[in-house]
C-alpha atoms as a PDB file:
ATOM      1  CA  MET A   1      10.304  -4.284  -1.025  1.00  0.00           C
ATOM      2  CA  ILE A   2       8.756  -2.737   2.073  1.00  0.00           C
ATOM      3  CA  ALA A   3       5.955  -1.133   0.071  1.00  0.00           C
ATOM      4  CA  ALA A   4       5.189  -4.458  -1.622  1.00  0.00           C
ATOM      5  CA  SER A   5       5.035  -6.163   1.765  1.00  0.00           C
ATOM      6  CA  TYR A   6       2.617  -3.507   2.995  1.00  0.00           C
ATOM      7  CA  VAL A   7       0.436  -4.094  -0.065  1.00  0.00           C
ATOM      8  CA  HIS A   8       0.305  -7.822   0.670  1.00  0.00           C
ATOM      9  CA  ILE A   9      -0.578  -7.159   4.299  1.00  0.00           C
ATOM     10  CA  GLY A  10      -3.295  -4.778   3.113  1.00  0.00           C
ATOM     11  CA  ILE A  11      -4.737  -7.503   0.917  1.00  0.00           C
ATOM     12  CA  VAL A  12      -4.817  -9.878   3.875  1.00  0.00           C
ATOM     13  CA  TYR A  13      -6.584  -7.280   6.025  1.00  0.00           C
ATOM     14  CA  THR A  14      -9.126  -6.783   3.243  1.00  0.00           C
ATOM     15  CA  LYS A  15      -9.839 -10.509   3.061  1.00  0.00           C
ATOM     16  CA  LEU A  16     -10.284 -10.519   6.835  1.00  0.00           C
ATOM     17  CA  LYS A  17     -12.746  -7.608   6.438  1.00  0.00           C
ATOM     18  CA  ARG A  18     -10.510  -5.406   8.583  1.00  0.00           C
ATOM     19  CA  TYR A  19     -11.001  -2.535   6.196  1.00  0.00           C
ATOM     20  CA  GLN A  20      -9.679   0.373   8.241  1.00  0.00           C
ATOM     21  CA  GLU A  21      -6.440  -1.480   8.923  1.00  0.00           C
ATOM     22  CA  ALA A  22      -6.197  -2.300   5.217  1.00  0.00           C
ATOM     23  CA  ILE A  23      -6.638   1.353   4.293  1.00  0.00           C
ATOM     24  CA  ASP A  24      -4.024   2.454   6.818  1.00  0.00           C
ATOM     25  CA  ILE A  25      -1.363   0.007   5.642  1.00  0.00           C
ATOM     26  CA  LEU A  26      -2.128   0.563   1.950  1.00  0.00           C
ATOM     27  CA  GLU A  27      -1.728   4.312   2.455  1.00  0.00           C
ATOM     28  CA  LYS A  28       1.704   3.635   3.967  1.00  0.00           C
ATOM     29  CA  ALA A  29       2.592   1.584   0.900  1.00  0.00           C
ATOM     30  CA  LEU A  30       1.410   4.346  -1.419  1.00  0.00           C
ATOM     31  CA  ASN A  31       3.392   6.996   0.449  1.00  0.00           C
ATOM     32  CA  ILE A  32       6.559   4.918   0.176  1.00  0.00           C
ATOM     33  CA  GLN A  33       5.995   4.308  -3.532  1.00  0.00           C
ATOM     34  CA  CYS A  34       5.405   8.013  -4.150  1.00  0.00           C
ATOM     35  CA  LYS A  35       8.650   8.919  -2.380  1.00  0.00           C
ATOM     36  CA  VAL A  36      10.709   6.263  -4.140  1.00  0.00           C
ATOM     37  CA  LEU A  37       9.193   6.260  -7.620  1.00  0.00           C
ATOM     38  CA  GLY A  38       7.602   9.693  -7.881  1.00  0.00           C
ATOM     39  CA  THR A  39       3.945  10.472  -8.304  1.00  0.00           C
ATOM     40  CA  ASP A  40       4.044  10.169 -12.116  1.00  0.00           C
ATOM     41  CA  HIS A  41       5.249   6.558 -12.125  1.00  0.00           C
ATOM     42  CA  LEU A  42       2.844   3.957 -13.545  1.00  0.00           C
ATOM     43  CA  ASP A  43       2.993   1.821 -10.396  1.00  0.00           C
ATOM     44  CA  VAL A  44       1.780   4.777  -8.329  1.00  0.00           C
ATOM     45  CA  GLY A  45      -0.947   6.185 -10.541  1.00  0.00           C
END
């Protein structure tokens, strides 16, 4: 749930053209997904 929220926030930042903030928050989401699902999971790769 937290990772999904971060993804949505990242999308909002992208639409606002706040690209560095989008990258930062999307990286947080990816790190969470990797820890929870593993790096081989389809939602991560």
